[in-house]
Amino acid sequence: MQLRILTLNIWGVHYVSKFINQRIQALIEHLLNPDTNYDIIGLQEVWSKVDYIYLRDQLKTIYPYSYYFLSGLVGSGCCIFSKYPIIGVYEHRYTLNGFPHKIQHGDWFCGKLIGLYVQSKRKDDLLVLKRLFRYNLPD
């Protein structure tokens, strides 16, 4: 049995990214198209709770199960949408997450993490969202 997975960084940083609402709407239209037929969607940089709720509400007819990985001050930005029930999640926040005095890095505020998701289609199916940035370049 095949499992079709889409993972996408939507670059949903409000006040920095352009055309967020238009890009989210285009993504929703793509995902609701019967020809796409993904089983699991993993999105990164969904920074706004409003954006997540909007995505969840628009996709729930095809992807009735979802989870947002909360972390840090502003959230991890990672979320999952699935056709199949979620039977477990695990979050592990990276210990190296930037510095609060380096606002341009942003990692400290959002709490980068690795998220593990287990769904019930097959017991051995896992989806891992992984995000890590290195900041060892000279300032």
N, C-alpha and C. Protein backbone atom coordinates (compact mmCIF):
# COMPACT_ATOMS: atom_id res chain seq x y z
N MET A 1 0.83 -1.17 0.00
CA MET A 1 0.00 0.00 0.00
C MET A 1 0.89 1.24 0.00
N GLN A 2 0.57 2.19 -0.86
CA GLN A 2 1.34 3.42 -0.95
C GLN A 2 0.72 4.50 -0.08
N LEU A 3 1.58 5.36 0.42
CA LEU A 3 1.15 6.50 1.21
C LEU A 3 1.66 7.75 0.51
N ARG A 4 0.77 8.65 0.12
CA ARG A 4 1.16 9.87 -0.59
C ARG A 4 1.27 11.02 0.40
N ILE A 5 2.46 11.61 0.46
CA ILE A 5 2.75 12.66 1.44
C ILE A 5 3.23 13.91 0.72
N LEU A 6 2.72 15.05 1.16
CA LEU A 6 3.20 16.34 0.68
C LEU A 6 3.74 17.10 1.88
N THR A 7 4.92 17.65 1.76
CA THR A 7 5.46 18.54 2.78
C THR A 7 5.85 19.85 2.10
N LEU A 8 5.52 20.96 2.75
CA LEU A 8 5.72 22.25 2.11
C LEU A 8 5.95 23.33 3.16
N ASN A 9 6.94 24.17 2.91
CA ASN A 9 7.16 25.37 3.71
C ASN A 9 6.36 26.49 3.05
N ILE A 10 5.32 26.96 3.73
CA ILE A 10 4.45 27.96 3.10
C ILE A 10 4.98 29.39 3.27
N TRP A 11 6.06 29.56 4.00
CA TRP A 11 6.66 30.87 4.24
C TRP A 11 5.59 31.86 4.71
N GLY A 12 4.96 31.49 5.83
CA GLY A 12 3.84 32.26 6.34
C GLY A 12 4.22 33.28 7.39
N VAL A 13 5.29 34.00 7.17
CA VAL A 13 5.75 35.00 8.13
C VAL A 13 5.04 36.32 7.82
N HIS A 14 4.01 36.64 8.58
CA HIS A 14 3.25 37.87 8.35
C HIS A 14 4.15 39.09 8.53
N TYR A 15 3.89 40.12 7.77
CA TYR A 15 4.63 41.38 7.75
C TYR A 15 5.98 41.26 7.07
N VAL A 16 6.38 40.06 6.68
CA VAL A 16 7.64 39.86 5.96
C VAL A 16 7.36 39.21 4.61
N SER A 17 6.59 38.15 4.62
CA SER A 17 6.26 37.43 3.39
C SER A 17 5.16 38.16 2.62
N LYS A 18 5.22 38.03 1.32
CA LYS A 18 4.21 38.67 0.48
C LYS A 18 3.14 37.67 0.06
N PHE A 19 1.94 38.16 -0.11
CA PHE A 19 0.83 37.40 -0.68
C PHE A 19 0.51 36.12 0.10
N ILE A 20 0.60 36.17 1.42
CA ILE A 20 0.35 34.97 2.23
C ILE A 20 -1.07 34.45 2.00
N ASN A 21 -2.04 35.32 2.07
CA ASN A 21 -3.43 34.86 1.92
C ASN A 21 -3.68 34.25 0.55
N GLN A 22 -3.11 34.85 -0.49
CA GLN A 22 -3.28 34.31 -1.83
C GLN A 22 -2.59 32.96 -1.98
N ARG A 23 -1.42 32.81 -1.39
CA ARG A 23 -0.70 31.54 -1.47
C ARG A 23 -1.41 30.45 -0.69
N ILE A 24 -1.95 30.80 0.48
CA ILE A 24 -2.70 29.81 1.27
C ILE A 24 -3.95 29.38 0.50
N GLN A 25 -4.63 30.33 -0.12
CA GLN A 25 -5.83 29.98 -0.89
C GLN A 25 -5.48 29.08 -2.07
N ALA A 26 -4.38 29.37 -2.76
CA ALA A 26 -3.95 28.53 -3.88
C ALA A 26 -3.59 27.12 -3.38
N LEU A 27 -2.97 27.04 -2.23
CA LEU A 27 -2.64 25.73 -1.65
C LEU A 27 -3.91 24.95 -1.33
N ILE A 28 -4.89 25.61 -0.74
CA ILE A 28 -6.15 24.94 -0.41
C ILE A 28 -6.82 24.42 -1.68
N GLU A 29 -6.86 25.24 -2.71
CA GLU A 29 -7.47 24.81 -3.98
C GLU A 29 -6.73 23.60 -4.54
N HIS A 30 -5.42 23.61 -4.46
CA HIS A 30 -4.63 22.47 -4.94
C HIS A 30 -4.95 21.21 -4.13
N LEU A 31 -4.99 21.34 -2.82
CA LEU A 31 -5.22 20.17 -1.96
C LEU A 31 -6.64 19.63 -2.07
N LEU A 32 -7.59 20.47 -2.38
CA LEU A 32 -8.97 20.02 -2.53
C LEU A 32 -9.26 19.45 -3.91
N ASN A 33 -8.32 19.60 -4.82
CA ASN A 33 -8.47 19.03 -6.16
C ASN A 33 -8.39 17.51 -6.07
N PRO A 34 -9.38 16.78 -6.57
CA PRO A 34 -9.38 15.31 -6.45
C PRO A 34 -8.18 14.65 -7.11
N ASP A 35 -7.54 15.31 -8.06
CA ASP A 35 -6.39 14.72 -8.74
C ASP A 35 -5.13 14.68 -7.87
N THR A 36 -5.06 15.52 -6.84
CA THR A 36 -3.85 15.53 -6.00
C THR A 36 -3.79 14.30 -5.11
N ASN A 37 -4.86 13.99 -4.41
CA ASN A 37 -5.00 12.74 -3.66
C ASN A 37 -3.87 12.42 -2.68
N TYR A 38 -3.44 13.40 -1.90
CA TYR A 38 -2.44 13.14 -0.86
C TYR A 38 -3.13 12.48 0.33
N ASP A 39 -2.38 11.68 1.07
CA ASP A 39 -2.89 11.08 2.30
C ASP A 39 -2.57 11.95 3.51
N ILE A 40 -1.38 12.54 3.49
CA ILE A 40 -0.89 13.33 4.62
C ILE A 40 -0.24 14.60 4.08
N ILE A 41 -0.51 15.72 4.75
CA ILE A 41 0.09 17.01 4.40
C ILE A 41 0.88 17.48 5.61
N GLY A 42 2.15 17.80 5.43
CA GLY A 42 2.97 18.38 6.49
C GLY A 42 3.36 19.79 6.07
N LEU A 43 2.94 20.79 6.82
CA LEU A 43 3.25 22.18 6.48
C LEU A 43 4.17 22.78 7.52
N GLN A 44 5.08 23.62 7.04
CA GLN A 44 5.98 24.35 7.92
C GLN A 44 5.75 25.84 7.72
N GLU A 45 6.11 26.61 8.72
CA GLU A 45 5.99 28.07 8.77
C GLU A 45 4.55 28.54 8.63
N VAL A 46 3.65 27.83 9.28
CA VAL A 46 2.27 28.30 9.46
C VAL A 46 2.29 29.03 10.81
N TRP A 47 2.73 30.28 10.79
CA TRP A 47 3.01 30.99 12.04
C TRP A 47 1.77 31.55 12.70
N SER A 48 0.73 31.80 11.97
CA SER A 48 -0.46 32.42 12.54
C SER A 48 -1.48 31.35 12.90
N LYS A 49 -2.00 31.42 14.12
CA LYS A 49 -3.06 30.50 14.55
C LYS A 49 -4.29 30.67 13.66
N VAL A 50 -4.55 31.89 13.24
CA VAL A 50 -5.67 32.16 12.33
C VAL A 50 -5.47 31.43 11.01
N ASP A 51 -4.24 31.43 10.49
CA ASP A 51 -3.95 30.70 9.25
C ASP A 51 -4.16 29.21 9.43
N TYR A 52 -3.69 28.67 10.55
CA TYR A 52 -3.88 27.23 10.80
C TYR A 52 -5.36 26.88 10.88
N ILE A 53 -6.12 27.66 11.63
CA ILE A 53 -7.56 27.39 11.78
C ILE A 53 -8.26 27.49 10.43
N TYR A 54 -7.87 28.47 9.63
CA TYR A 54 -8.47 28.61 8.30
C TYR A 54 -8.15 27.39 7.43
N LEU A 55 -6.89 26.98 7.42
CA LEU A 55 -6.50 25.77 6.67
C LEU A 55 -7.28 24.56 7.17
N ARG A 56 -7.32 24.39 8.47
CA ARG A 56 -8.03 23.25 9.07
C ARG A 56 -9.49 23.22 8.65
N ASP A 57 -10.14 24.37 8.74
CA ASP A 57 -11.57 24.44 8.41
C ASP A 57 -11.83 24.20 6.93
N GLN A 58 -10.94 24.69 6.08
CA GLN A 58 -11.13 24.52 4.64
C GLN A 58 -10.82 23.10 4.17
N LEU A 59 -9.90 22.43 4.85
CA LEU A 59 -9.45 21.10 4.41
C LEU A 59 -10.17 19.94 5.09
N LYS A 60 -11.01 20.22 6.08
CA LYS A 60 -11.54 19.15 6.92
C LYS A 60 -12.44 18.16 6.19
N THR A 61 -12.99 18.51 5.04
CA THR A 61 -13.82 17.54 4.31
C THR A 61 -12.98 16.39 3.76
N ILE A 62 -11.74 16.67 3.37
CA ILE A 62 -10.85 15.63 2.84
C ILE A 62 -9.83 15.20 3.88
N TYR A 63 -9.37 16.15 4.70
CA TYR A 63 -8.36 15.87 5.73
C TYR A 63 -8.98 16.19 7.10
N PRO A 64 -9.80 15.28 7.63
CA PRO A 64 -10.53 15.59 8.87
C PRO A 64 -9.67 15.59 10.13
N TYR A 65 -8.44 15.10 10.04
CA TYR A 65 -7.57 15.01 11.21
C TYR A 65 -6.41 15.97 11.03
N SER A 66 -6.14 16.74 12.08
CA SER A 66 -5.03 17.69 12.00
C SER A 66 -4.41 17.88 13.37
N TYR A 67 -3.20 18.41 13.35
CA TYR A 67 -2.48 18.67 14.60
C TYR A 67 -1.52 19.81 14.36
N TYR A 68 -1.46 20.76 15.31
CA TYR A 68 -0.51 21.86 15.26
C TYR A 68 0.50 21.65 16.39
N PHE A 69 1.77 21.63 16.05
CA PHE A 69 2.83 21.42 17.04
C PHE A 69 3.14 22.75 17.73
N LEU A 70 2.66 22.90 18.96
CA LEU A 70 2.90 24.12 19.73
C LEU A 70 4.30 24.09 20.32
N SER A 71 4.97 25.23 20.30
CA SER A 71 6.31 25.31 20.86
C SER A 71 6.73 26.77 20.94
N GLY A 72 7.55 27.11 21.90
CA GLY A 72 8.10 28.45 22.00
C GLY A 72 7.05 29.52 22.24
N LEU A 73 7.44 30.76 22.01
CA LEU A 73 6.55 31.90 22.24
C LEU A 73 5.51 32.07 21.14
N VAL A 74 5.87 31.73 19.91
CA VAL A 74 4.97 31.96 18.78
C VAL A 74 4.53 30.68 18.09
N GLY A 75 4.91 29.53 18.60
CA GLY A 75 4.55 28.27 17.96
C GLY A 75 5.63 27.80 17.02
N SER A 76 5.63 26.52 16.73
CA SER A 76 6.67 25.93 15.89
C SER A 76 6.45 26.22 14.41
N GLY A 77 5.22 26.52 14.03
CA GLY A 77 4.90 26.72 12.63
C GLY A 77 4.61 25.43 11.88
N CYS A 78 4.74 24.28 12.55
CA CYS A 78 4.54 22.98 11.91
C CYS A 78 3.14 22.44 12.20
N CYS A 79 2.51 21.89 11.17
CA CYS A 79 1.21 21.27 11.37
C CYS A 79 1.02 20.12 10.38
N ILE A 80 0.10 19.24 10.72
CA ILE A 80 -0.19 18.04 9.95
C ILE A 80 -1.67 18.02 9.61
N PHE A 81 -1.98 17.58 8.41
CA PHE A 81 -3.36 17.30 8.01
C PHE A 81 -3.37 15.89 7.44
N SER A 82 -4.36 15.09 7.85
CA SER A 82 -4.35 13.68 7.47
C SER A 82 -5.76 13.19 7.14
N LYS A 83 -5.81 12.23 6.22
CA LYS A 83 -7.07 11.55 5.93
C LYS A 83 -7.37 10.50 6.98
N TYR A 84 -6.37 10.12 7.75
CA TYR A 84 -6.50 9.01 8.69
C TYR A 84 -6.34 9.49 10.12
N PRO A 85 -6.97 8.81 11.07
CA PRO A 85 -6.87 9.23 12.47
C PRO A 85 -5.43 9.29 12.97
N ILE A 86 -5.18 10.30 13.77
CA ILE A 86 -3.87 10.47 14.40
C ILE A 86 -3.91 9.70 15.71
N ILE A 87 -3.02 8.73 15.86
CA ILE A 87 -3.04 7.94 17.09
C ILE A 87 -1.93 8.32 18.05
N GLY A 88 -1.06 9.23 17.64
CA GLY A 88 -0.02 9.68 18.55
C GLY A 88 0.85 10.75 17.92
N VAL A 89 1.36 11.64 18.74
CA VAL A 89 2.32 12.64 18.31
C VAL A 89 3.42 12.73 19.37
N TYR A 90 4.58 13.11 18.93
CA TYR A 90 5.70 13.32 19.83
C TYR A 90 6.44 14.55 19.35
N GLU A 91 6.80 15.41 20.28
CA GLU A 91 7.54 16.62 19.96
C GLU A 91 8.83 16.65 20.76
N HIS A 92 9.91 16.99 20.09
CA HIS A 92 11.18 17.18 20.79
C HIS A 92 11.76 18.50 20.33
N ARG A 93 11.84 19.44 21.25
CA ARG A 93 12.38 20.75 20.92
C ARG A 93 13.90 20.69 20.91
N TYR A 94 14.49 21.29 19.88
CA TYR A 94 15.95 21.34 19.79
C TYR A 94 16.52 22.18 20.93
N THR A 95 17.62 21.73 21.50
CA THR A 95 18.25 22.51 22.56
C THR A 95 18.99 23.73 22.00
N LEU A 96 19.45 23.64 20.77
CA LEU A 96 20.08 24.79 20.12
C LEU A 96 19.02 25.48 19.27
N ASN A 97 18.57 26.62 19.74
CA ASN A 97 17.47 27.32 19.08
C ASN A 97 17.77 28.79 18.88
N GLY A 98 18.98 29.14 18.59
CA GLY A 98 19.30 30.54 18.40
C GLY A 98 19.36 31.28 19.73
N PHE A 99 19.36 32.60 19.64
CA PHE A 99 19.50 33.43 20.83
C PHE A 99 18.43 34.52 20.83
N PRO A 100 17.89 34.87 22.01
CA PRO A 100 16.84 35.88 22.05
C PRO A 100 17.32 37.26 21.61
N HIS A 101 18.62 37.56 21.76
CA HIS A 101 19.12 38.88 21.38
C HIS A 101 19.40 38.98 19.88
N LYS A 102 19.28 37.87 19.14
CA LYS A 102 19.46 37.89 17.69
C LYS A 102 18.09 37.67 17.05
N ILE A 103 17.31 38.74 17.03
CA ILE A 103 15.92 38.67 16.59
C ILE A 103 15.82 38.16 15.15
N GLN A 104 16.79 38.47 14.31
CA GLN A 104 16.72 38.06 12.92
C GLN A 104 16.75 36.54 12.76
N HIS A 105 17.25 35.82 13.74
CA HIS A 105 17.26 34.36 13.66
C HIS A 105 15.87 33.79 13.89
N GLY A 106 15.17 34.30 14.86
CA GLY A 106 13.80 33.89 15.10
C GLY A 106 13.61 32.54 15.76
N ASP A 107 14.62 31.67 15.70
CA ASP A 107 14.46 30.30 16.20
C ASP A 107 14.14 30.25 17.69
N TRP A 108 14.74 31.13 18.46
CA TRP A 108 14.53 31.11 19.90
C TRP A 108 13.06 31.37 20.23
N PHE A 109 12.42 32.25 19.47
CA PHE A 109 11.04 32.63 19.74
C PHE A 109 10.03 31.54 19.35
N CYS A 110 10.36 30.78 18.32
CA CYS A 110 9.39 29.78 17.85
C CYS A 110 9.67 28.39 18.41
N GLY A 111 10.84 28.12 18.88
CA GLY A 111 11.12 26.81 19.45
C GLY A 111 11.14 25.71 18.40
N LYS A 112 12.18 25.69 17.58
CA LYS A 112 12.30 24.67 16.54
C LYS A 112 12.22 23.29 17.17
N LEU A 113 11.62 22.38 16.44
CA LEU A 113 11.43 21.05 17.00
C LEU A 113 11.41 20.01 15.90
N ILE A 114 11.47 18.79 16.35
CA ILE A 114 11.19 17.67 15.46
C ILE A 114 9.87 17.09 15.94
N GLY A 115 8.97 16.92 15.00
CA GLY A 115 7.65 16.40 15.34
C GLY A 115 7.46 15.03 14.71
N LEU A 116 7.03 14.09 15.50
CA LEU A 116 6.79 12.73 15.02
C LEU A 116 5.30 12.48 15.10
N TYR A 117 4.76 11.96 14.04
CA TYR A 117 3.32 11.77 13.93
C TYR A 117 3.06 10.31 13.56
N VAL A 118 2.15 9.67 14.23
CA VAL A 118 1.79 8.28 13.94
C VAL A 118 0.32 8.27 13.55
N GLN A 119 0.03 7.68 12.42
CA GLN A 119 -1.36 7.60 11.98
C GLN A 119 -1.78 6.14 11.89
N SER A 120 -3.06 5.93 11.74
CA SER A 120 -3.58 4.57 11.90
C SER A 120 -3.76 3.79 10.61
N LYS A 121 -3.30 4.31 9.48
CA LYS A 121 -3.45 3.55 8.24
C LYS A 121 -2.63 2.27 8.31
N ARG A 122 -1.39 2.40 8.75
CA ARG A 122 -0.53 1.25 9.01
C ARG A 122 0.28 1.60 10.24
N LYS A 123 0.53 0.64 11.07
CA LYS A 123 1.20 0.93 12.35
C LYS A 123 2.63 1.43 12.16
N ASP A 124 3.26 1.14 11.03
CA ASP A 124 4.65 1.54 10.87
C ASP A 124 4.81 2.83 10.05
N ASP A 125 3.72 3.52 9.75
CA ASP A 125 3.81 4.76 9.00
C ASP A 125 4.07 5.92 9.95
N LEU A 126 5.12 6.66 9.67
CA LEU A 126 5.48 7.81 10.49
C LEU A 126 5.80 8.98 9.58
N LEU A 127 5.53 10.15 10.04
CA LEU A 127 5.92 11.35 9.33
C LEU A 127 6.72 12.20 10.30
N VAL A 128 7.88 12.64 9.86
CA VAL A 128 8.72 13.46 10.71
C VAL A 128 8.89 14.82 10.05
N LEU A 129 8.58 15.86 10.78
CA LEU A 129 8.87 17.22 10.33
C LEU A 129 10.15 17.64 11.01
N LYS A 130 11.09 18.10 10.23
CA LYS A 130 12.40 18.41 10.79
C LYS A 130 12.81 19.79 10.33
N ARG A 131 13.24 20.60 11.27
CA ARG A 131 13.66 21.94 10.92
C ARG A 131 14.83 22.32 11.80
N LEU A 132 15.93 22.64 11.18
CA LEU A 132 17.10 23.04 11.95
C LEU A 132 17.92 24.01 11.12
N PHE A 133 18.32 25.10 11.72
CA PHE A 133 19.14 26.09 11.05
C PHE A 133 20.45 26.24 11.80
N ARG A 134 21.52 26.42 11.04
CA ARG A 134 22.83 26.63 11.67
C ARG A 134 23.14 28.12 11.64
N TYR A 135 23.61 28.61 12.75
CA TYR A 135 23.99 30.01 12.85
C TYR A 135 25.42 30.12 13.37
N ASN A 136 26.34 29.61 12.60
CA ASN A 136 27.73 29.71 13.03
C ASN A 136 28.55 30.58 12.09
N LEU A 137 27.87 31.35 11.26
CA LEU A 137 28.58 32.26 10.37
C LEU A 137 28.89 33.55 11.12
N PRO A 138 29.96 34.24 10.73
CA PRO A 138 30.29 35.50 11.40
C PRO A 138 29.15 36.51 11.26
N ASP A 139 28.94 37.30 12.30
CA ASP A 139 27.88 38.33 12.27
C ASP A 139 28.29 39.50 11.41
